[in-house]
Amino acid sequence: MRITSGRFRGLRLKTPKTPGIRPMMDRVRKALFDILGEEIEGSKVLDLFCGTGALGLEALSRGAREVVFVDQNPKALGLVKENLHRARVQGGIKLLRLSLPRDLARLHPEGPFDVIFVTPPYGQGLARRTLQGLGSLIRPGGWIIVEERVGEKILPPPELELHKEKTYGKTCLFFFRRSAP
């Protein structure tokens, strides 16, 4: 697994040897960031269920100013630390061990965010339940990207609108945007 573009392009990331951490495939990650394009430059990003940290690192590689990585698994956060060290990232990062969606309220002091990634384990309803609590963490006009397996429907809360739904093999990405006031 590698960073696909930006200042860390080609950087090999350490991947998990334990079950329960499912990194997003490189081609899906590249497509996601190609869709977001310039929106990443200078953005504040929240990477929920961060796993290896690949999404947050890709965002930093493409010019994000700050990334908050969140996972409940200490092994996942250890992988993120190792991958940040490999990239020689020094500032603009924060790692938090939280149980989602239960601990979403603890993220309020960190926000608002310009981009939020929600990539939980498939089929447990975590994507849907987490999305319901994100409206107040995303700035108006900001993006929330949810990854779930194909066939799952993710309905947004009233303050979010579904703008795109893209399928890549067994993976589906939902692009939500918060309406401007």
Protein backbone atom coordinates (compact mmCIF):
# COMPACT_ATOMS: atom_id res chain seq x y z
CA MET A 1 0.00 0.00 0.00
CA ARG A 2 1.40 3.38 -1.07
CA ILE A 3 0.55 7.07 -0.99
CA THR A 4 -0.76 7.85 -4.49
CA SER A 5 0.06 11.55 -4.95
CA GLY A 6 1.55 14.70 -3.45
CA ARG A 7 4.69 15.21 -1.40
CA PHE A 8 4.66 11.63 0.01
CA ARG A 9 3.84 10.00 -3.34
CA GLY A 10 5.13 6.43 -3.51
CA LEU A 11 5.67 6.15 0.26
CA ARG A 12 5.07 2.55 1.33
CA LEU A 13 2.79 2.32 4.34
CA LYS A 14 3.01 -0.32 7.00
CA THR A 15 -0.09 -2.51 6.82
CA PRO A 16 -1.79 -4.58 9.52
CA LYS A 17 -0.97 -8.18 10.30
CA THR A 18 -4.02 -8.48 12.53
CA PRO A 19 -7.65 -8.87 11.44
CA GLY A 20 -10.08 -6.03 11.97
CA ILE A 21 -8.14 -3.32 10.12
CA ARG A 22 -9.17 -3.04 6.46
CA PRO A 23 -7.20 -0.42 4.53
CA MET A 24 -8.86 1.26 1.55
CA MET A 25 -7.34 0.02 -1.71
CA ASP A 26 -4.90 2.40 -3.41
CA ARG A 27 -7.03 2.81 -6.54
CA VAL A 28 -10.15 3.65 -4.50
CA ARG A 29 -8.19 6.12 -2.36
CA LYS A 30 -6.74 7.76 -5.49
CA ALA A 31 -10.20 8.05 -7.07
CA LEU A 32 -11.61 9.57 -3.87
CA PHE A 33 -8.89 12.23 -3.72
CA ASP A 34 -9.16 12.92 -7.44
CA ILE A 35 -12.87 13.68 -6.89
CA LEU A 36 -12.11 15.99 -3.95
CA GLY A 37 -9.32 17.69 -5.91
CA GLU A 38 -8.44 21.16 -4.64
CA GLU A 39 -10.77 20.82 -1.62
CA ILE A 40 -7.94 19.12 0.31
CA GLU A 41 -5.43 21.97 -0.03
CA GLY A 42 -5.29 23.83 3.31
CA SER A 43 -8.13 21.78 4.81
CA LYS A 44 -8.70 20.48 8.32
CA VAL A 45 -9.44 16.74 8.06
CA LEU A 46 -10.98 14.20 10.44
CA ASP A 47 -10.08 10.56 9.70
CA LEU A 48 -12.55 8.35 11.63
CA PHE A 49 -11.87 4.60 11.95
CA CYS A 50 -8.43 5.57 10.60
CA GLY A 51 -6.87 2.08 10.55
CA THR A 52 -3.41 2.55 8.99
CA GLY A 53 -3.88 6.31 8.60
CA ALA A 54 -3.69 6.06 4.80
CA LEU A 55 -6.52 8.54 4.17
CA GLY A 56 -5.17 11.14 6.57
CA LEU A 57 -1.62 10.70 5.23
CA GLU A 58 -2.89 11.03 1.66
CA ALA A 59 -4.65 14.25 2.71
CA LEU A 60 -1.43 15.59 4.29
CA SER A 61 0.49 14.57 1.18
CA ARG A 62 -1.95 16.61 -0.93
CA GLY A 63 -1.75 19.74 1.19
CA ALA A 64 -4.12 19.37 4.17
CA ARG A 65 -3.00 21.68 6.98
CA GLU A 66 -4.22 19.47 9.83
CA VAL A 67 -5.46 15.89 10.32
CA VAL A 68 -7.06 14.34 13.40
CA PHE A 69 -6.80 10.52 13.32
CA VAL A 70 -9.36 8.59 15.38
CA ASP A 71 -9.61 4.86 16.09
CA GLN A 72 -10.54 2.75 19.10
CA ASN A 73 -7.96 0.06 18.32
CA PRO A 74 -4.55 0.78 19.91
CA LYS A 75 -2.87 -1.39 17.24
CA ALA A 76 -4.38 0.80 14.52
CA LEU A 77 -3.12 3.95 16.24
CA GLY A 78 0.30 2.31 16.52
CA LEU A 79 0.27 1.74 12.75
CA VAL A 80 -0.69 5.38 12.20
CA LYS A 81 2.24 6.50 14.37
CA GLU A 82 4.64 4.28 12.42
CA ASN A 83 3.33 5.54 9.08
CA LEU A 84 3.54 9.17 10.19
CA HIS A 85 7.13 8.50 11.27
CA ARG A 86 7.91 6.94 7.85
CA ALA A 87 6.56 10.10 6.20
CA ARG A 88 8.53 12.29 8.67
CA VAL A 89 5.39 14.23 9.55
CA GLN A 90 6.11 16.53 12.48
CA GLY A 91 3.15 18.85 12.97
CA GLY A 92 -0.50 19.33 12.08
CA ILE A 93 -1.56 15.95 13.45
CA LYS A 94 -3.43 14.57 16.43
CA LEU A 95 -4.21 10.94 17.33
CA LEU A 96 -7.22 10.11 19.50
CA ARG A 97 -8.38 6.78 20.84
CA LEU A 98 -12.18 6.98 20.89
CA SER A 99 -15.04 4.53 20.55
CA LEU A 100 -17.33 5.61 17.72
CA PRO A 101 -20.05 6.71 17.40
CA ARG A 102 -20.39 6.91 21.20
CA ASP A 103 -17.51 9.38 21.70
CA LEU A 104 -18.31 11.80 18.85
CA ALA A 105 -19.13 14.59 21.31
CA ARG A 106 -15.50 14.51 22.49
CA LEU A 107 -14.47 15.72 19.01
CA HIS A 108 -16.36 19.05 19.20
CA PRO A 109 -13.37 20.99 20.59
CA GLU A 110 -11.33 19.79 17.57
CA GLY A 111 -13.79 20.99 14.91
CA PRO A 112 -15.20 22.20 12.70
CA PHE A 113 -13.64 20.17 9.90
CA ASP A 114 -13.52 20.75 6.15
CA VAL A 115 -13.39 17.04 5.26
CA ILE A 116 -14.40 13.99 7.31
CA PHE A 117 -13.64 10.39 6.30
CA VAL A 118 -15.82 7.63 7.80
CA THR A 119 -14.42 4.17 6.99
CA PRO A 120 -15.65 1.72 9.65
CA PRO A 121 -15.79 -2.08 9.49
CA TYR A 122 -18.46 -3.14 7.00
CA GLY A 123 -21.91 -4.38 7.89
CA GLN A 124 -22.13 -3.28 11.53
CA GLY A 125 -24.20 -0.13 11.04
CA LEU A 126 -21.31 2.03 12.28
CA ALA A 127 -21.19 4.18 9.14
CA ARG A 128 -24.89 5.06 9.38
CA ARG A 129 -24.84 5.70 13.14
CA THR A 130 -21.63 7.75 12.98
CA LEU A 131 -22.91 9.88 10.10
CA GLN A 132 -25.96 10.88 12.17
CA GLY A 133 -23.69 12.66 14.67
CA LEU A 134 -21.38 14.50 12.27
CA GLY A 135 -23.51 17.45 11.14
CA SER A 136 -22.18 19.76 13.84
CA LEU A 137 -18.54 18.72 13.25
CA ILE A 138 -18.43 19.66 9.55
CA ARG A 139 -18.26 23.27 8.41
CA PRO A 140 -20.93 24.52 5.96
CA GLY A 141 -19.89 23.43 2.47
CA GLY A 142 -17.62 20.71 3.92
CA TRP A 143 -17.45 17.11 2.70
CA ILE A 144 -18.12 13.85 4.53
CA ILE A 145 -17.05 10.73 2.66
CA VAL A 146 -18.41 7.41 3.90
CA GLU A 147 -17.06 4.03 2.80
CA GLU A 148 -19.35 1.00 3.02
CA ARG A 149 -19.76 -2.21 1.10
CA VAL A 150 -21.87 -2.23 -2.04
CA GLY A 151 -25.56 -2.72 -1.31
CA GLU A 152 -25.62 -0.76 1.95
CA LYS A 153 -27.75 2.38 1.90
CA ILE A 154 -26.59 5.36 3.90
CA LEU A 155 -29.19 8.06 4.44
CA PRO A 156 -27.96 11.46 5.58
CA PRO A 157 -29.32 13.50 8.47
CA PRO A 158 -31.29 16.64 7.42
CA GLU A 159 -28.26 18.98 7.44
CA LEU A 160 -26.36 16.84 4.90
CA GLU A 161 -27.04 16.18 1.22
CA LEU A 162 -25.86 13.17 -0.79
CA HIS A 163 -23.93 14.54 -3.78
CA LYS A 164 -22.34 11.41 -5.24
CA GLU A 165 -22.24 7.69 -4.85
CA LYS A 166 -19.34 5.83 -6.50
CA THR A 167 -18.78 2.08 -6.67
CA TYR A 168 -15.39 0.40 -6.96
CA GLY A 169 -15.69 -3.39 -6.92
CA LYS A 170 -17.22 -4.30 -3.54
CA THR A 171 -16.67 -0.81 -2.13
CA CYS A 172 -19.10 2.10 -2.28
CA LEU A 173 -18.18 5.69 -1.46
CA PHE A 174 -20.89 8.18 -0.47
CA PHE A 175 -20.04 11.88 -0.79
CA PHE A 176 -22.14 14.06 1.51
CA ARG A 177 -21.98 17.84 1.77
CA ARG A 178 -23.24 20.08 4.53
CA SER A 179 -25.58 22.74 3.24
CA ALA A 180 -24.44 26.33 3.62
CA PRO A 181 -26.55 28.33 6.11
